[in-house]
Protein backbone atom coordinates (compact mmCIF):
# COMPACT_ATOMS: atom_id res chain seq x y z
CA MET A 1 -66.02 32.51 -81.25
CA GLU A 2 -62.15 30.73 -82.19
CA ASN A 3 -59.82 33.26 -83.59
CA SER A 4 -55.95 32.36 -83.36
CA GLU A 5 -55.45 36.17 -83.49
CA LYS A 6 -55.22 37.53 -79.83
CA ILE A 7 -57.09 40.23 -79.26
CA ILE A 8 -56.98 43.34 -76.20
CA VAL A 9 -59.70 45.45 -76.43
CA VAL A 10 -59.45 48.54 -75.30
CA PRO A 11 -62.65 51.16 -74.76
CA PHE A 12 -61.47 54.61 -76.52
CA ASP A 13 -63.00 57.78 -76.00
CA PHE A 14 -60.07 59.90 -76.67
CA THR A 15 -59.70 60.66 -73.08
CA PRO A 16 -56.67 60.65 -71.34
CA ILE A 17 -57.71 58.11 -68.69
CA ALA A 18 -58.22 55.80 -72.24
CA PHE A 19 -54.57 56.59 -72.89
CA ASN A 20 -53.77 55.54 -69.42
CA ALA A 21 -55.18 51.84 -70.63
CA ILE A 22 -53.87 52.00 -73.53
CA GLU A 23 -50.38 51.73 -71.77
CA HIS A 24 -51.51 48.64 -69.90
CA ALA A 25 -52.83 47.44 -72.97
CA LYS A 26 -49.25 47.49 -74.76
CA ILE A 27 -47.60 45.96 -71.43
CA LEU A 28 -49.83 43.06 -71.79
CA SER A 29 -49.92 43.03 -76.15
CA LEU A 30 -46.09 42.43 -75.91
CA LYS A 31 -45.99 39.94 -73.46
CA GLN A 32 -48.51 37.98 -75.59
CA ASN A 33 -48.01 39.23 -78.63
CA ALA A 34 -51.71 40.45 -79.17
CA THR A 35 -53.49 43.21 -81.20
CA ILE A 36 -54.96 46.38 -79.16
CA ALA A 37 -58.38 46.80 -80.89
CA LEU A 38 -59.28 50.73 -79.74
CA LEU A 39 -63.12 50.38 -79.49
CA HIS A 40 -64.99 53.73 -79.70
CA ILE A 41 -68.25 53.50 -79.21
CA VAL A 42 -71.23 56.59 -80.83
CA LYS A 43 -75.11 56.86 -80.25
CA LYS A 44 -77.55 55.49 -82.63
CA ASP A 45 -76.44 57.38 -86.16
CA VAL A 46 -74.59 59.76 -84.73
CA GLY A 47 -71.09 60.68 -86.32
CA ILE A 48 -69.69 57.54 -87.30
CA ASP A 49 -67.89 59.10 -90.28
CA GLU A 50 -66.13 61.32 -88.14
CA ALA A 51 -65.34 58.94 -85.57
CA THR A 52 -63.94 56.56 -88.18
CA VAL A 53 -61.53 59.15 -88.76
CA ALA A 54 -60.75 60.77 -85.58
CA LEU A 55 -59.89 57.27 -84.64
CA GLU A 56 -57.86 55.91 -87.47
CA ASP A 57 -55.35 59.55 -86.98
CA GLU A 58 -55.14 58.43 -83.05
CA ILE A 59 -53.85 54.84 -84.27
CA GLN A 60 -51.38 56.12 -86.90
CA LYS A 61 -50.02 58.43 -83.90
CA LEU A 62 -50.11 55.37 -81.90
CA LYS A 63 -48.17 53.37 -84.50
CA THR A 64 -45.17 55.90 -85.07
CA ILE A 65 -44.31 55.60 -81.12
CA ASN A 66 -45.13 52.08 -80.77
CA PRO A 67 -43.43 50.52 -83.90
CA LYS A 68 -43.65 46.83 -81.63
CA THR A 69 -47.31 47.08 -81.06
CA THR A 70 -50.19 46.32 -83.60
CA PHE A 71 -53.24 48.14 -83.03
CA LYS A 72 -56.49 48.68 -85.14
CA GLY A 73 -59.92 50.64 -84.30
CA ILE A 74 -63.82 50.00 -84.06
CA VAL A 75 -66.04 52.25 -84.45
CA ARG A 76 -69.96 50.76 -83.32
CA GLU A 77 -73.31 52.55 -82.31
CA GLY A 78 -74.41 51.39 -79.54
CA THR A 79 -73.75 51.89 -75.75
CA ILE A 80 -71.05 50.65 -73.32
CA PHE A 81 -73.15 48.57 -71.36
CA LYS A 82 -74.13 46.35 -73.91
CA THR A 83 -71.69 46.80 -76.85
CA ILE A 84 -68.08 46.46 -75.20
CA ASN A 85 -68.58 42.88 -74.25
CA ASP A 86 -70.37 42.10 -77.56
CA VAL A 87 -67.51 43.14 -79.68
CA ALA A 88 -65.42 41.45 -77.31
CA ASP A 89 -66.91 38.39 -77.78
CA GLU A 90 -67.55 38.65 -81.51
CA ILE A 91 -64.11 39.01 -81.95
CA GLY A 92 -62.72 36.81 -79.78
CA ALA A 93 -60.84 38.89 -77.58
CA ILE A 94 -58.78 37.71 -74.28
CA MET A 95 -58.97 40.67 -72.00
CA LEU A 96 -60.53 43.82 -71.70
CA VAL A 97 -58.03 47.22 -70.59
CA MET A 98 -60.63 49.75 -69.30
CA GLY A 99 -59.97 53.18 -68.21
CA THR A 100 -62.57 54.48 -65.20
CA HIS A 101 -63.27 57.88 -64.74
CA GLY A 102 -64.81 60.50 -62.80
CA ILE A 103 -68.30 62.71 -65.00
CA LYS A 104 -66.33 64.27 -67.11
CA GLY A 105 -65.41 61.69 -69.64
CA MET A 106 -67.42 61.47 -72.39
CA GLN A 107 -68.50 57.46 -71.27
CA LYS A 108 -68.63 58.89 -67.94
CA LEU A 109 -66.93 55.65 -66.50
CA THR A 110 -67.17 55.60 -62.41
CA GLY A 111 -66.90 52.58 -60.68
CA SER A 112 -70.53 51.91 -60.38
CA TRP A 113 -71.00 52.38 -64.44
CA ALA A 114 -67.41 50.24 -64.96
CA LEU A 115 -68.98 47.02 -62.75
CA LYS A 116 -72.17 47.23 -64.67
CA VAL A 117 -70.19 47.47 -68.32
CA ILE A 118 -67.89 44.35 -66.45
CA VAL A 119 -71.20 42.09 -65.27
CA GLY A 120 -71.55 39.41 -68.19
CA SER A 121 -68.06 39.05 -69.64
CA LYS A 122 -66.89 35.97 -70.20
CA ILE A 123 -63.63 37.48 -70.23
CA PRO A 124 -61.96 39.19 -67.22
CA PHE A 125 -61.39 43.13 -67.27
CA LEU A 126 -58.43 45.07 -66.52
CA VAL A 127 -59.16 48.08 -65.04
CA VAL A 128 -57.07 50.99 -64.22
CA GLN A 129 -56.70 55.03 -63.46
CA ASP A 130 -53.21 55.76 -63.79
CA PRO A 131 -50.38 54.78 -66.20
CA PRO A 132 -48.31 51.40 -65.44
CA ALA A 133 -45.87 51.61 -62.99
CA PRO A 134 -42.50 50.18 -64.29
CA ASN A 135 -42.37 47.82 -61.57
CA GLU A 136 -40.37 44.43 -63.11
CA VAL A 137 -42.55 42.20 -60.14
CA ARG A 138 -46.37 42.15 -60.48
CA LYS A 139 -47.07 42.57 -57.05
CA VAL A 140 -50.46 40.65 -57.32
CA VAL A 141 -53.56 41.01 -54.13
CA PHE A 142 -56.04 37.92 -54.58
CA PRO A 143 -58.67 38.37 -51.45
CA VAL A 144 -60.20 35.00 -50.59
CA ASN A 145 -63.10 34.33 -48.77
CA PHE A 146 -65.60 31.71 -47.86
CA LYS A 147 -67.37 32.19 -51.85
CA THR A 148 -66.40 29.21 -53.71
CA GLU A 149 -65.63 31.20 -56.58
CA ASN A 150 -63.29 32.43 -55.32
CA LYS A 151 -60.87 29.43 -57.22
CA GLU A 152 -62.14 30.77 -60.50
CA LYS A 153 -59.30 33.47 -60.53
CA LEU A 154 -56.64 31.30 -60.03
CA ILE A 155 -57.14 30.92 -64.19
CA TRP A 156 -55.81 34.16 -64.17
CA VAL A 157 -53.21 33.91 -61.66
CA ASP A 158 -51.71 31.15 -63.95
CA PHE A 159 -52.23 33.54 -67.02
CA LEU A 160 -50.57 36.80 -65.72
CA SER A 161 -47.98 34.44 -64.42
CA LYS A 162 -47.08 32.82 -67.53
CA PHE A 163 -46.00 36.47 -69.11
CA TYR A 164 -45.06 38.41 -65.90
CA HIS A 165 -42.78 37.78 -62.86
CA THR A 166 -45.18 37.76 -60.84
CA LYS A 167 -46.02 37.33 -56.64
CA ILE A 168 -49.29 36.26 -54.93
CA TYR A 169 -50.28 38.04 -52.18
CA LEU A 170 -52.79 35.76 -50.71
CA PHE A 171 -55.50 38.53 -48.86
CA GLY A 172 -57.35 35.81 -45.83
CA ILE A 173 -60.57 37.79 -44.85
CA SER A 174 -61.45 36.77 -41.51
CA SER A 175 -64.71 38.07 -39.41
CA LYS A 176 -64.78 40.78 -36.91
CA GLY A 177 -63.40 38.96 -34.03
CA GLY A 178 -60.47 38.20 -36.36
CA GLU A 179 -61.85 34.76 -36.56
CA VAL A 180 -60.86 32.78 -40.25
CA ASP A 181 -64.22 31.24 -41.40
CA SER A 182 -63.41 26.82 -41.97
CA ARG A 183 -64.71 27.49 -45.51
CA THR A 184 -61.97 30.65 -45.65
CA LYS A 185 -59.78 28.21 -44.84
CA ALA A 186 -60.15 25.48 -47.06
CA ASN A 187 -60.18 28.45 -49.94
CA LEU A 188 -56.87 29.09 -48.58
CA ALA A 189 -55.68 25.61 -48.23
CA PHE A 190 -56.83 25.07 -52.16
CA CYS A 191 -55.62 28.19 -53.47
CA LYS A 192 -51.98 27.81 -51.76
CA ASN A 193 -51.65 24.04 -53.07
CA PHE A 194 -52.80 25.69 -56.64
CA LEU A 195 -49.81 27.96 -56.46
CA SER A 196 -47.35 25.86 -55.31
CA GLU A 197 -47.53 22.73 -57.77
CA ARG A 198 -47.20 25.83 -60.74
CA ASN A 199 -44.22 26.89 -58.69
CA ILE A 200 -45.96 30.05 -58.37
CA ASN A 201 -44.48 32.66 -55.99
CA TYR A 202 -46.82 33.39 -52.92
CA GLU A 203 -46.86 34.89 -49.21
CA LEU A 204 -50.06 34.78 -46.82
CA SER A 205 -52.08 37.31 -44.93
CA ILE A 206 -54.63 37.91 -43.01
CA SER A 207 -57.28 40.57 -42.25
CA THR A 208 -57.59 42.36 -39.31
CA GLY A 209 -61.15 41.89 -39.72
CA LYS A 210 -61.63 45.57 -38.18
CA GLU A 211 -62.53 46.96 -41.72
CA SER A 212 -64.85 45.69 -44.66
CA LEU A 213 -63.18 43.16 -46.82
CA ALA A 214 -62.72 46.17 -49.52
CA GLN A 215 -61.42 48.71 -46.98
CA GLU A 216 -58.84 46.13 -45.96
CA THR A 217 -58.01 44.95 -49.03
CA ILE A 218 -57.52 48.29 -50.37
CA ALA A 219 -55.65 48.91 -47.42
CA PHE A 220 -53.25 46.06 -47.69
CA ALA A 221 -52.62 46.28 -51.43
CA LYS A 222 -51.65 50.39 -50.73
CA GLN A 223 -49.19 48.96 -47.89
CA ILE A 224 -46.88 46.88 -50.28
CA GLU A 225 -47.89 48.28 -53.24
CA ALA A 226 -49.60 46.25 -55.49
CA ASN A 227 -49.85 46.60 -59.35
CA VAL A 228 -53.17 44.90 -58.95
CA ILE A 229 -56.21 43.91 -57.04
CA MET A 230 -57.73 40.68 -58.17
CA THR A 231 -61.33 40.91 -57.64
CA MET A 232 -64.85 38.51 -58.81
CA THR A 233 -68.13 40.41 -59.63
CA THR A 234 -71.24 39.20 -56.76
CA ARG A 235 -72.82 36.59 -58.41
CA ASP A 236 -76.36 37.39 -59.55
CA ILE A 237 -76.04 41.31 -58.79
CA ALA A 238 -78.89 42.97 -57.97
CA PHE A 239 -80.09 46.80 -58.58
CA HIS A 240 -79.34 47.83 -54.70
CA ASP A 241 -76.02 46.01 -55.17
CA TYR A 242 -74.98 48.98 -57.53
CA VAL A 243 -76.82 51.70 -54.96
CA LEU A 244 -75.47 50.52 -52.08
CA GLY A 245 -71.91 49.26 -53.38
CA THR A 246 -70.65 45.64 -54.27
CA ALA A 247 -66.96 45.22 -53.38
CA GLU A 248 -65.70 45.05 -56.13
CA GLN A 249 -67.00 48.46 -56.98
CA GLN A 250 -64.87 49.70 -53.85
CA ILE A 251 -62.18 48.15 -55.37
CA ILE A 252 -62.77 49.17 -58.81
CA ALA A 253 -62.48 53.03 -58.38
CA ASN A 254 -60.30 52.67 -55.04
CA GLU A 255 -58.60 56.42 -54.15
CA HIS A 256 -54.97 55.06 -54.58
CA LYS A 257 -55.87 54.36 -58.25
CA ILE A 258 -54.73 50.47 -57.71
CA PRO A 259 -55.46 48.28 -61.04
CA ALA A 260 -58.33 46.25 -60.87
CA MET A 261 -58.45 42.53 -62.59
CA VAL A 262 -62.35 41.93 -62.15
CA VAL A 263 -63.42 38.21 -62.83
CA ASN A 264 -67.40 37.02 -63.51
CA PRO A 265 -68.24 33.88 -62.16
CA ARG A 266 -68.90 31.12 -64.43
CA THR A 267 -71.91 28.99 -63.92
CA ASP A 268 -70.19 26.53 -66.15
CA LEU A 269 -67.84 25.96 -63.97
CA MET A 270 -70.10 25.57 -60.73
CA LYS A 271 -72.18 22.72 -61.83
CA TYR A 272 -69.09 20.96 -62.15
CA GLY A 273 -67.91 22.25 -58.85
CA TYR A 274 -64.63 23.81 -60.46
CA GLY A 275 -63.46 20.15 -60.98
CA GLY A 276 -61.65 21.44 -63.95
CA PHE A 277 -58.73 22.97 -61.50
């Protein structure tokens, strides 16, 4: 759907974590002059009128506190696993900002549940746990391994860098022996060229190879006090991936509560060898 209005969708269930997501969305919306659409999902034929009134009440409070930010509310029947992406596609949203929390929240968005919501989205999710840190420079950890689709994340690095004073921390993933795969080296070279051509500030570090991709990435992000970890979902993700826990699932639900920007692989770019970069 083509839409001249820039819209950021925030799935909203009236929990504190959802309000944390709004705080992150506000930063993005002010930088992009975008509207924040609070999306509340109800079960079929249950409480639509009541939820609409409650949501509008919250929006009026938010408008009073944040006069420079535009809010609107959407209430839909459905499930979080389908309706969030359907609505985002329908209204032409540019990004989704979603809070994760434990089993006490109505939507019960743990790391694995959040991943099920994200898979299939055409636009990135910013998944958050805490309110945003008041940093001027946005430190973005960008893990790079041997997979070709690593390059797709660069589009969103460029996107963020148009609105923020960013520094990108390329984090090359090495093997258990500390060696860097030739394909990973090629991806790192591609990333460095991409960032240099666009005058985006970056720094390169290499993992030790002693822990998993997720563990080393999260530890590195904590070490540098990163604002965001950028990650890709697993292409053609299967049921056992959810059970065992993918790297992105661990990054989404990381114990340090560092926000994760999650991008889904695009098959349309894959078939052209990512020539659009």
